N, C-alpha and C. Protein backbone atom coordinates (compact mmCIF):
# COMPACT_ATOMS: atom_id res chain seq x y z
N MET A 1 -93.06 -23.36 94.87
CA MET A 1 -91.84 -24.77 94.86
C MET A 1 -91.55 -23.29 93.19
N SER A 2 -90.32 -22.68 93.22
CA SER A 2 -89.90 -21.53 92.18
C SER A 2 -89.47 -21.67 91.10
N THR A 3 -89.57 -22.29 89.72
CA THR A 3 -89.38 -22.02 89.08
C THR A 3 -88.20 -21.84 87.61
N ILE A 4 -87.51 -22.28 86.39
CA ILE A 4 -87.51 -20.81 85.53
C ILE A 4 -88.40 -20.38 84.96
N ALA A 5 -89.14 -19.91 84.66
CA ALA A 5 -89.97 -19.83 84.55
C ALA A 5 -90.76 -18.98 84.87
N SER A 6 -90.62 -18.68 86.51
CA SER A 6 -90.66 -17.63 87.06
C SER A 6 -89.64 -16.92 87.16
N VAL A 7 -89.40 -17.21 86.68
CA VAL A 7 -87.51 -15.45 87.17
C VAL A 7 -87.53 -14.70 86.10
N PRO A 8 -87.53 -13.06 86.28
CA PRO A 8 -87.37 -12.91 85.31
C PRO A 8 -86.36 -13.09 83.41
N ALA A 9 -87.23 -12.97 82.86
CA ALA A 9 -86.44 -12.50 81.62
C ALA A 9 -85.35 -11.44 81.35
N ALA A 10 -84.84 -10.97 82.30
CA ALA A 10 -83.72 -10.50 82.30
C ALA A 10 -82.66 -10.65 82.65
N ILE A 11 -82.78 -11.16 83.91
CA ILE A 11 -81.63 -12.13 84.82
C ILE A 11 -81.30 -13.67 84.45
N VAL A 12 -82.67 -14.05 83.01
CA VAL A 12 -81.56 -15.34 83.16
C VAL A 12 -81.40 -14.85 81.19
N ARG A 13 -79.88 -15.15 81.22
CA ARG A 13 -79.72 -14.95 79.79
C ARG A 13 -78.18 -15.37 79.83
N PRO A 14 -77.49 -15.64 78.83
CA PRO A 14 -76.89 -17.00 78.63
C PRO A 14 -75.17 -16.42 79.50
N VAL A 15 -74.36 -16.39 79.28
CA VAL A 15 -73.28 -16.44 80.11
C VAL A 15 -72.12 -15.73 79.26
N ARG A 16 -71.75 -14.80 78.78
CA ARG A 16 -71.46 -14.35 77.34
C ARG A 16 -69.62 -14.85 77.54
N HIS A 17 -69.24 -15.23 78.88
CA HIS A 17 -68.20 -15.76 79.07
C HIS A 17 -67.73 -16.96 78.27
N ALA A 18 -69.35 -17.77 78.42
CA ALA A 18 -68.75 -19.17 78.00
C ALA A 18 -69.14 -18.76 76.05
N VAL A 19 -69.37 -17.87 76.24
CA VAL A 19 -69.81 -18.03 74.12
C VAL A 19 -68.57 -17.17 74.06
N GLY A 20 -67.76 -16.63 74.70
CA GLY A 20 -66.39 -16.05 74.08
C GLY A 20 -65.36 -17.65 74.05
N VAL A 21 -65.38 -18.68 74.92
CA VAL A 21 -64.87 -19.40 75.48
C VAL A 21 -65.33 -20.85 75.07
N GLN A 22 -66.61 -21.06 73.91
CA GLN A 22 -66.76 -21.55 72.42
C GLN A 22 -66.38 -21.08 71.32
N ARG A 23 -66.06 -19.59 70.99
CA ARG A 23 -65.61 -18.95 69.46
C ARG A 23 -64.59 -19.36 70.08
N LEU A 24 -63.80 -19.27 71.29
CA LEU A 24 -61.59 -19.53 71.35
C LEU A 24 -61.61 -20.86 71.48
N LEU A 25 -62.10 -21.32 70.46
CA LEU A 25 -62.32 -23.33 70.89
C LEU A 25 -62.90 -23.22 69.21
N LYS A 26 -63.50 -22.78 68.79
CA LYS A 26 -63.92 -23.13 67.42
C LYS A 26 -61.86 -22.98 66.90
N ILE A 27 -61.71 -21.52 66.77
CA ILE A 27 -60.77 -20.37 66.22
C ILE A 27 -59.38 -22.33 66.22
N VAL A 28 -58.82 -22.19 67.66
CA VAL A 28 -58.40 -22.94 67.55
C VAL A 28 -57.76 -24.00 67.42
N LEU A 29 -59.46 -24.76 66.88
CA LEU A 29 -59.33 -26.32 66.67
C LEU A 29 -59.35 -25.69 64.77
N VAL A 30 -59.91 -25.21 64.15
CA VAL A 30 -59.37 -23.89 63.18
C VAL A 30 -57.77 -24.13 63.17
N LEU A 31 -57.38 -23.46 64.19
CA LEU A 31 -55.42 -23.27 63.69
C LEU A 31 -54.91 -24.57 63.49
N LEU A 32 -55.02 -25.74 64.61
CA LEU A 32 -54.68 -27.03 64.45
C LEU A 32 -55.09 -27.69 63.50
N ILE A 33 -56.22 -27.78 63.37
CA ILE A 33 -56.66 -28.47 61.48
C ILE A 33 -55.51 -28.17 60.87
N LEU A 34 -55.39 -26.80 60.75
CA LEU A 34 -54.61 -25.51 59.18
C LEU A 34 -52.98 -26.17 59.71
N PHE A 35 -53.31 -26.39 60.98
CA PHE A 35 -52.01 -26.85 60.87
C PHE A 35 -51.47 -28.73 61.14
N LEU A 36 -51.23 -28.63 61.07
CA LEU A 36 -51.21 -30.45 60.57
C LEU A 36 -51.71 -30.29 58.51
N ALA A 37 -52.45 -29.94 58.23
CA ALA A 37 -53.23 -29.99 57.43
C ALA A 37 -51.55 -29.78 56.54
N ILE A 38 -50.86 -28.16 57.14
CA ILE A 38 -49.23 -27.55 56.47
C ILE A 38 -49.30 -29.16 56.51
N GLN A 39 -48.77 -29.27 57.28
CA GLN A 39 -47.39 -30.29 57.18
C GLN A 39 -46.89 -31.43 56.62
N ALA A 40 -48.58 -31.20 55.09
CA ALA A 40 -48.39 -32.38 54.80
C ALA A 40 -47.83 -31.49 53.16
N ILE A 41 -47.60 -30.58 53.04
CA ILE A 41 -47.12 -29.98 52.22
C ILE A 41 -45.50 -29.78 52.07
N PRO A 42 -44.99 -30.75 51.34
CA PRO A 42 -43.35 -30.93 51.39
C PRO A 42 -42.32 -30.48 51.28
N TYR A 43 -42.30 -28.68 50.52
CA TYR A 43 -41.75 -28.07 50.83
C TYR A 43 -40.58 -27.95 51.46
N GLY A 44 -39.58 -27.56 52.16
CA GLY A 44 -38.79 -27.37 53.25
C GLY A 44 -37.87 -28.56 53.16
N ARG A 45 -38.42 -29.78 53.03
CA ARG A 45 -38.37 -31.00 54.53
C ARG A 45 -36.62 -32.03 53.15
N ASP A 46 -36.33 -30.72 52.25
CA ASP A 46 -35.54 -31.49 51.08
C ASP A 46 -34.39 -31.60 52.47
N HIS A 47 -33.84 -31.65 53.37
CA HIS A 47 -32.30 -31.62 54.68
C HIS A 47 -31.31 -32.03 53.79
N ASP A 48 -30.87 -31.92 52.40
CA ASP A 48 -30.13 -32.69 52.12
C ASP A 48 -28.81 -31.41 51.91
N ASN A 49 -27.34 -32.70 53.01
CA ASN A 49 -26.15 -30.91 52.32
C ASN A 49 -24.89 -31.61 50.85
N PRO A 50 -25.06 -30.87 50.25
CA PRO A 50 -24.74 -31.11 48.85
C PRO A 50 -23.04 -30.87 49.54
N LYS A 51 -21.94 -32.21 48.65
CA LYS A 51 -20.44 -32.66 49.26
C LYS A 51 -19.85 -31.44 49.26
N THR A 52 -19.27 -30.95 50.02
CA THR A 52 -18.21 -29.86 49.70
C THR A 52 -17.05 -30.47 49.11
N VAL A 53 -16.74 -29.16 47.82
CA VAL A 53 -15.84 -29.84 46.84
C VAL A 53 -14.98 -29.22 47.11
N LYS A 54 -15.02 -27.91 48.23
CA LYS A 54 -13.60 -26.53 48.49
C LYS A 54 -13.33 -25.70 49.39
N GLU A 55 -13.36 -26.05 50.72
CA GLU A 55 -13.97 -25.41 51.20
C GLU A 55 -12.35 -24.28 51.23
N VAL A 56 -13.40 -22.75 52.06
CA VAL A 56 -12.21 -21.96 52.38
C VAL A 56 -10.50 -21.90 52.36
N SER A 57 -9.87 -21.91 52.93
CA SER A 57 -8.68 -22.08 53.04
C SER A 57 -8.35 -20.62 54.16
N TRP A 58 -9.58 -21.21 55.56
CA TRP A 58 -8.99 -20.00 56.39
C TRP A 58 -7.97 -19.18 57.16
N ASP A 59 -7.57 -18.32 57.41
CA ASP A 59 -6.22 -18.31 57.61
C ASP A 59 -5.70 -18.66 58.67
N SER A 60 -7.20 -18.71 59.75
CA SER A 60 -7.05 -19.05 61.16
C SER A 60 -8.17 -20.32 62.38
N PRO A 61 -8.12 -21.06 62.94
CA PRO A 61 -9.11 -21.94 63.24
C PRO A 61 -10.08 -20.62 64.05
N LYS A 62 -9.38 -19.89 64.40
CA LYS A 62 -10.18 -19.38 65.57
C LYS A 62 -11.46 -18.81 63.97
N THR A 63 -10.47 -17.73 63.00
CA THR A 63 -12.11 -17.68 62.43
C THR A 63 -12.26 -18.80 61.37
N ARG A 64 -12.17 -20.06 61.61
CA ARG A 64 -12.98 -20.65 61.67
C ARG A 64 -14.76 -20.53 61.96
N ALA A 65 -13.49 -20.95 63.46
CA ALA A 65 -14.87 -20.94 64.71
C ALA A 65 -16.03 -19.95 64.61
N LEU A 66 -15.05 -19.00 64.93
CA LEU A 66 -16.59 -17.58 64.76
C LEU A 66 -17.42 -17.92 63.40
N ALA A 67 -17.23 -18.44 61.92
CA ALA A 67 -17.67 -18.67 61.53
C ALA A 67 -18.32 -19.91 61.62
N LEU A 68 -18.16 -20.53 61.37
CA LEU A 68 -19.04 -22.10 62.19
C LEU A 68 -20.41 -21.51 62.49
N ASN A 69 -19.88 -21.06 64.09
CA ASN A 69 -21.19 -20.06 65.17
C ASN A 69 -21.94 -19.66 64.25
N ALA A 70 -21.39 -18.74 64.17
CA ALA A 70 -22.30 -17.00 62.68
C ALA A 70 -22.13 -17.59 60.81
N CYS A 71 -21.80 -18.23 61.15
CA CYS A 71 -21.73 -17.68 59.25
C CYS A 71 -22.42 -18.93 58.76
N LEU A 72 -21.28 -20.64 59.03
CA LEU A 72 -22.05 -21.92 58.02
C LEU A 72 -23.38 -22.21 58.09
N ALA A 73 -23.96 -22.04 59.10
CA ALA A 73 -25.95 -23.05 59.49
C ALA A 73 -25.81 -22.54 58.17
N CYS A 74 -25.45 -21.57 57.24
CA CYS A 74 -26.85 -20.46 55.94
C CYS A 74 -25.30 -20.67 54.78
N HIS A 75 -23.96 -20.08 55.40
CA HIS A 75 -23.50 -20.69 54.26
C HIS A 75 -22.66 -21.20 53.21
N SER A 76 -22.35 -22.73 53.70
CA SER A 76 -21.63 -23.49 53.60
C SER A 76 -22.54 -24.84 53.63
N ASN A 77 -22.53 -26.18 52.96
CA ASN A 77 -22.89 -27.22 52.78
C ASN A 77 -22.23 -28.19 54.26
N LEU A 78 -22.09 -27.59 55.39
CA LEU A 78 -22.50 -28.31 56.90
C LEU A 78 -23.84 -27.60 57.75
N THR A 79 -24.66 -27.19 57.19
CA THR A 79 -25.85 -27.36 57.98
C THR A 79 -26.90 -28.57 58.49
N GLN A 80 -26.42 -28.01 59.38
CA GLN A 80 -27.51 -28.70 60.80
C GLN A 80 -28.73 -28.63 60.93
N TRP A 81 -29.88 -29.37 61.33
CA TRP A 81 -31.38 -29.65 60.00
C TRP A 81 -31.97 -30.33 61.43
N PRO A 82 -32.23 -29.22 62.80
CA PRO A 82 -32.61 -29.25 64.18
C PRO A 82 -34.12 -29.87 63.50
N TRP A 83 -35.24 -30.18 64.79
CA TRP A 83 -36.94 -31.05 64.32
C TRP A 83 -37.13 -30.04 63.51
N TYR A 84 -37.17 -28.51 63.92
CA TYR A 84 -38.19 -27.23 64.35
C TYR A 84 -38.21 -28.26 62.74
N THR A 85 -37.23 -27.81 61.55
CA THR A 85 -36.47 -27.42 61.05
C THR A 85 -37.40 -28.78 59.68
N SER A 86 -38.21 -29.26 60.70
CA SER A 86 -39.32 -31.02 59.28
C SER A 86 -40.93 -30.25 59.43
N VAL A 87 -40.52 -28.95 60.88
CA VAL A 87 -42.48 -28.47 60.89
C VAL A 87 -42.67 -27.86 60.12
N ALA A 88 -43.41 -27.85 59.53
CA ALA A 88 -43.89 -26.36 58.77
C ALA A 88 -44.89 -24.64 59.81
N PRO A 89 -44.48 -24.11 59.48
CA PRO A 89 -43.70 -23.35 58.36
C PRO A 89 -42.70 -23.08 58.44
N LEU A 90 -41.89 -23.53 59.83
CA LEU A 90 -40.36 -23.08 60.21
C LEU A 90 -39.84 -23.90 58.90
N SER A 91 -40.16 -25.09 58.63
CA SER A 91 -39.35 -25.81 58.13
C SER A 91 -38.46 -25.46 56.50
N TRP A 92 -40.27 -24.19 56.04
CA TRP A 92 -40.22 -23.68 54.43
C TRP A 92 -39.22 -22.52 54.58
N LEU A 93 -38.93 -21.59 56.41
CA LEU A 93 -38.95 -20.28 56.55
C LEU A 93 -36.41 -21.21 57.12
N THR A 94 -36.48 -21.89 56.76
CA THR A 94 -35.21 -22.49 57.29
C THR A 94 -34.84 -22.40 55.83
N TYR A 95 -35.77 -23.48 55.79
CA TYR A 95 -34.90 -24.39 54.08
C TYR A 95 -34.07 -22.70 52.96
N ARG A 96 -35.70 -21.61 53.06
CA ARG A 96 -35.60 -21.03 52.64
C ARG A 96 -34.02 -19.77 52.61
N ASP A 97 -33.86 -20.13 53.35
CA ASP A 97 -32.63 -18.98 54.03
C ASP A 97 -31.38 -19.63 53.60
N VAL A 98 -31.59 -21.13 54.53
CA VAL A 98 -30.21 -21.58 53.26
C VAL A 98 -29.96 -22.06 51.69
N GLN A 99 -31.57 -22.57 51.65
CA GLN A 99 -31.21 -22.03 50.02
C GLN A 99 -30.77 -20.82 49.92
N ASP A 100 -30.74 -19.59 50.40
CA ASP A 100 -30.42 -18.53 49.96
C ASP A 100 -29.23 -18.18 49.41
N GLY A 101 -29.19 -18.15 51.67
CA GLY A 101 -27.41 -18.83 51.86
C GLY A 101 -26.20 -18.89 50.86
N ARG A 102 -26.51 -19.75 50.64
CA ARG A 102 -25.93 -21.02 50.30
C ARG A 102 -25.76 -20.45 48.74
N ALA A 103 -27.08 -19.68 48.72
CA ALA A 103 -26.52 -19.76 46.88
C ALA A 103 -25.53 -18.12 46.56
N LYS A 104 -25.67 -17.04 47.70
CA LYS A 104 -25.03 -15.93 47.72
C LYS A 104 -23.70 -15.97 48.43
N LEU A 105 -23.47 -16.80 49.42
CA LEU A 105 -21.97 -17.03 49.30
C LEU A 105 -21.49 -17.86 49.89
N ASN A 106 -21.08 -19.64 49.76
CA ASN A 106 -20.77 -20.59 50.35
C ASN A 106 -19.88 -20.76 50.44
N PHE A 107 -19.03 -20.94 51.62
CA PHE A 107 -17.92 -22.19 52.09
C PHE A 107 -17.37 -22.97 51.53
N SER A 108 -18.37 -24.61 51.75
CA SER A 108 -17.76 -25.43 51.11
C SER A 108 -17.49 -25.69 49.07
N GLU A 109 -17.88 -24.18 48.60
CA GLU A 109 -18.11 -24.18 47.49
C GLU A 109 -17.28 -23.79 46.86
N TRP A 110 -16.09 -23.31 47.63
CA TRP A 110 -15.28 -22.12 47.80
C TRP A 110 -15.18 -22.17 45.95
N GLN A 111 -14.23 -22.80 45.25
CA GLN A 111 -14.10 -22.87 43.66
C GLN A 111 -14.74 -21.79 42.52
N ARG A 112 -15.98 -21.64 42.61
CA ARG A 112 -17.03 -20.86 42.13
C ARG A 112 -16.50 -19.42 42.68
N PRO A 113 -16.58 -18.52 41.87
CA PRO A 113 -17.08 -17.37 42.25
C PRO A 113 -18.55 -17.26 42.49
N GLN A 114 -18.84 -16.45 43.86
CA GLN A 114 -19.55 -15.98 44.46
C GLN A 114 -20.56 -15.24 44.39
N ASP A 115 -21.55 -14.74 45.07
CA ASP A 115 -22.10 -14.12 44.40
C ASP A 115 -22.36 -13.01 45.03
N VAL A 116 -21.39 -12.25 46.20
CA VAL A 116 -21.21 -11.44 47.40
C VAL A 116 -19.61 -11.32 47.05
N ASN A 117 -19.53 -9.84 47.61
CA ASN A 117 -18.30 -9.46 47.06
C ASN A 117 -16.94 -8.98 49.07
N LEU A 118 -16.17 -9.16 48.89
CA LEU A 118 -15.53 -9.11 50.93
C LEU A 118 -16.81 -8.18 51.31
N GLN A 119 -16.37 -6.45 50.91
CA GLN A 119 -17.16 -5.45 51.30
C GLN A 119 -18.59 -6.00 51.96
N GLU A 120 -19.37 -6.16 50.62
CA GLU A 120 -20.53 -6.44 51.40
C GLU A 120 -20.52 -7.37 52.25
N VAL A 121 -19.88 -8.63 52.22
CA VAL A 121 -19.79 -9.55 53.81
C VAL A 121 -19.28 -8.82 54.93
N VAL A 122 -18.29 -7.65 54.62
CA VAL A 122 -18.28 -7.12 56.27
C VAL A 122 -19.10 -6.07 56.84
N ASP A 123 -19.82 -5.86 55.25
CA ASP A 123 -20.20 -4.58 55.81
C ASP A 123 -22.35 -5.05 56.59
N ALA A 124 -22.06 -6.88 56.63
CA ALA A 124 -23.36 -6.97 57.18
C ALA A 124 -22.78 -8.10 57.98
N ILE A 125 -21.69 -8.05 58.12
CA ILE A 125 -21.19 -7.98 59.45
C ILE A 125 -21.26 -6.86 60.44
N ARG A 126 -19.82 -5.72 60.46
CA ARG A 126 -20.48 -4.87 60.52
C ARG A 126 -21.78 -4.61 61.19
N ASP A 127 -23.36 -4.23 59.53
CA ASP A 127 -23.93 -3.39 60.43
C ASP A 127 -24.79 -4.04 61.25
N LYS A 128 -24.11 -5.71 61.87
CA LYS A 128 -25.39 -7.04 62.04
C LYS A 128 -25.89 -6.98 61.78
N GLY A 129 -25.96 -7.29 60.01
CA GLY A 129 -27.10 -7.55 59.23
C GLY A 129 -27.47 -9.46 59.44
N MET A 130 -26.27 -10.03 59.62
CA MET A 130 -25.66 -10.88 59.45
C MET A 130 -24.95 -11.73 60.24
N PRO A 131 -25.20 -12.28 61.11
CA PRO A 131 -25.99 -13.15 61.45
C PRO A 131 -28.02 -12.87 61.85
N PRO A 132 -28.74 -13.08 60.79
CA PRO A 132 -30.02 -12.29 60.59
C PRO A 132 -30.84 -12.51 62.04
N LEU A 133 -31.21 -11.85 62.36
CA LEU A 133 -32.39 -11.48 63.62
C LEU A 133 -32.50 -12.98 63.80
N GLN A 134 -33.79 -13.50 62.79
CA GLN A 134 -34.07 -15.13 63.54
C GLN A 134 -33.31 -16.30 64.20
N TYR A 135 -31.81 -16.18 63.28
CA TYR A 135 -31.57 -17.33 63.47
C TYR A 135 -30.48 -16.64 64.77
N ARG A 136 -30.42 -15.43 64.90
CA ARG A 136 -29.82 -14.92 66.59
C ARG A 136 -30.02 -15.75 67.52
N LEU A 137 -31.82 -15.02 67.43
CA LEU A 137 -33.05 -15.63 68.88
C LEU A 137 -32.31 -16.64 68.83
N ILE A 138 -32.54 -18.38 67.77
CA ILE A 138 -32.98 -19.03 68.38
C ILE A 138 -31.66 -20.08 68.79
N HIS A 139 -30.25 -19.26 68.72
CA HIS A 139 -29.06 -19.79 68.75
C HIS A 139 -27.53 -18.21 69.21
N LYS A 140 -28.03 -18.70 70.80
CA LYS A 140 -26.73 -18.09 71.41
C LYS A 140 -25.69 -18.03 70.87
N GLU A 141 -24.74 -19.24 70.72
CA GLU A 141 -23.82 -18.84 70.06
C GLU A 141 -23.15 -18.49 68.36
N SER A 142 -24.48 -17.20 68.15
CA SER A 142 -24.32 -16.78 67.02
C SER A 142 -23.86 -15.32 67.37
N ARG A 143 -24.36 -15.03 68.55
CA ARG A 143 -24.57 -13.65 69.05
C ARG A 143 -22.94 -13.30 68.98
N LEU A 144 -22.18 -12.58 68.73
CA LEU A 144 -20.89 -12.93 68.17
C LEU A 144 -21.23 -11.23 69.37
N THR A 145 -19.78 -10.93 70.20
CA THR A 145 -19.27 -9.72 70.95
C THR A 145 -18.39 -8.98 69.89
N ALA A 146 -18.88 -7.49 70.14
CA ALA A 146 -18.10 -6.09 69.19
C ALA A 146 -16.65 -7.00 69.35
N THR A 147 -16.05 -7.87 69.49
CA THR A 147 -14.39 -7.86 69.58
C THR A 147 -14.62 -8.85 68.78
N GLN A 148 -15.23 -10.34 68.64
CA GLN A 148 -15.10 -11.35 67.99
C GLN A 148 -15.61 -11.13 66.84
N ARG A 149 -16.56 -10.33 65.77
CA ARG A 149 -17.04 -9.45 65.34
C ARG A 149 -16.11 -8.69 64.72
N GLN A 150 -15.17 -8.42 64.79
CA GLN A 150 -14.43 -7.47 64.60
C GLN A 150 -12.38 -9.11 64.25
N GLN A 151 -13.02 -9.76 65.70
CA GLN A 151 -11.86 -10.53 64.71
C GLN A 151 -12.80 -11.23 63.73
N LEU A 152 -14.04 -11.98 63.41
CA LEU A 152 -13.85 -12.40 61.68
C LEU A 152 -14.21 -11.62 61.40
N GLU A 153 -14.02 -10.38 60.67
CA GLU A 153 -14.56 -9.65 60.29
C GLU A 153 -12.74 -8.89 59.80
N GLN A 154 -11.93 -8.89 60.65
CA GLN A 154 -9.98 -9.28 60.15
C GLN A 154 -10.38 -10.88 59.40
N GLY A 155 -10.28 -11.85 60.40
CA GLY A 155 -9.96 -12.68 59.65
C GLY A 155 -10.30 -13.90 58.31
N LEU A 156 -11.55 -13.20 58.17
CA LEU A 156 -12.02 -12.94 57.19
C LEU A 156 -11.05 -12.14 55.43
N VAL A 157 -11.26 -11.37 55.92
CA VAL A 157 -10.27 -10.31 55.28
C VAL A 157 -8.86 -11.01 55.10
N LYS A 158 -8.24 -11.60 55.71
CA LYS A 158 -6.97 -11.72 55.30
C LYS A 158 -7.41 -13.47 55.02
N THR A 159 -8.12 -14.17 55.24
CA THR A 159 -8.50 -15.33 54.26
C THR A 159 -8.76 -14.72 53.12
N TRP A 160 -10.46 -14.42 51.93
CA TRP A 160 -10.04 -13.42 51.43
C TRP A 160 -9.11 -13.40 50.63
N ALA A 161 -8.41 -12.50 51.39
CA ALA A 161 -7.09 -12.32 50.44
C ALA A 161 -6.28 -13.29 50.28
N SER A 162 -5.61 -14.51 50.76
CA SER A 162 -4.40 -15.04 50.62
C SER A 162 -5.71 -17.05 49.73
N SER A 163 -7.18 -16.34 49.77
CA SER A 163 -7.67 -17.44 48.87
C SER A 163 -9.37 -16.95 48.46
N PRO A 164 -8.99 -15.57 47.63
CA PRO A 164 -10.11 -15.97 46.75
C PRO A 164 -11.11 -16.91 46.11
N PRO A 165 -12.42 -16.48 47.04
CA PRO A 165 -12.70 -17.50 45.91
C PRO A 165 -13.36 -17.13 44.43
N GLY A 166 -13.32 -18.68 43.89
CA GLY A 166 -13.29 -19.07 42.48
C GLY A 166 -11.89 -19.28 41.96
N ARG A 167 -11.29 -19.45 42.80
CA ARG A 167 -9.54 -20.29 41.80
C ARG A 167 -9.71 -20.95 42.29
């Protein structure tokens, strides 16, 4: 009868992939615990939309529709808050983007001066800086064609000329 003791030591060794799986499970467990722990941080869950004081007087419904798809989620008080905006760390990023967007340009508070001028807005549209890539990846309706970008730009120029912010 043969026993393990009679097998040469060079043959009996721990299986390396088992050690790797154990490490992977430990890493996954630590990440899961961290993920659950950060859910206790309240930042980014204040999903209020302040009252619209004075929305811009759009030059056309087409311009408003283009802006609604590409701009107003962050640059107005009409933000939609999908489920993932309540899950950290996505809630942190989304909240920061919306707060920064509203502070810079808010189409729902057109009565106040805005922190950007028309040329900066036009440049952001032309250079595809707006909407930002992370937003376009998740929201396909915000991916404007070249024609739609041009229409949005022209509409915003007309809108801004006939109804400048802060008046």
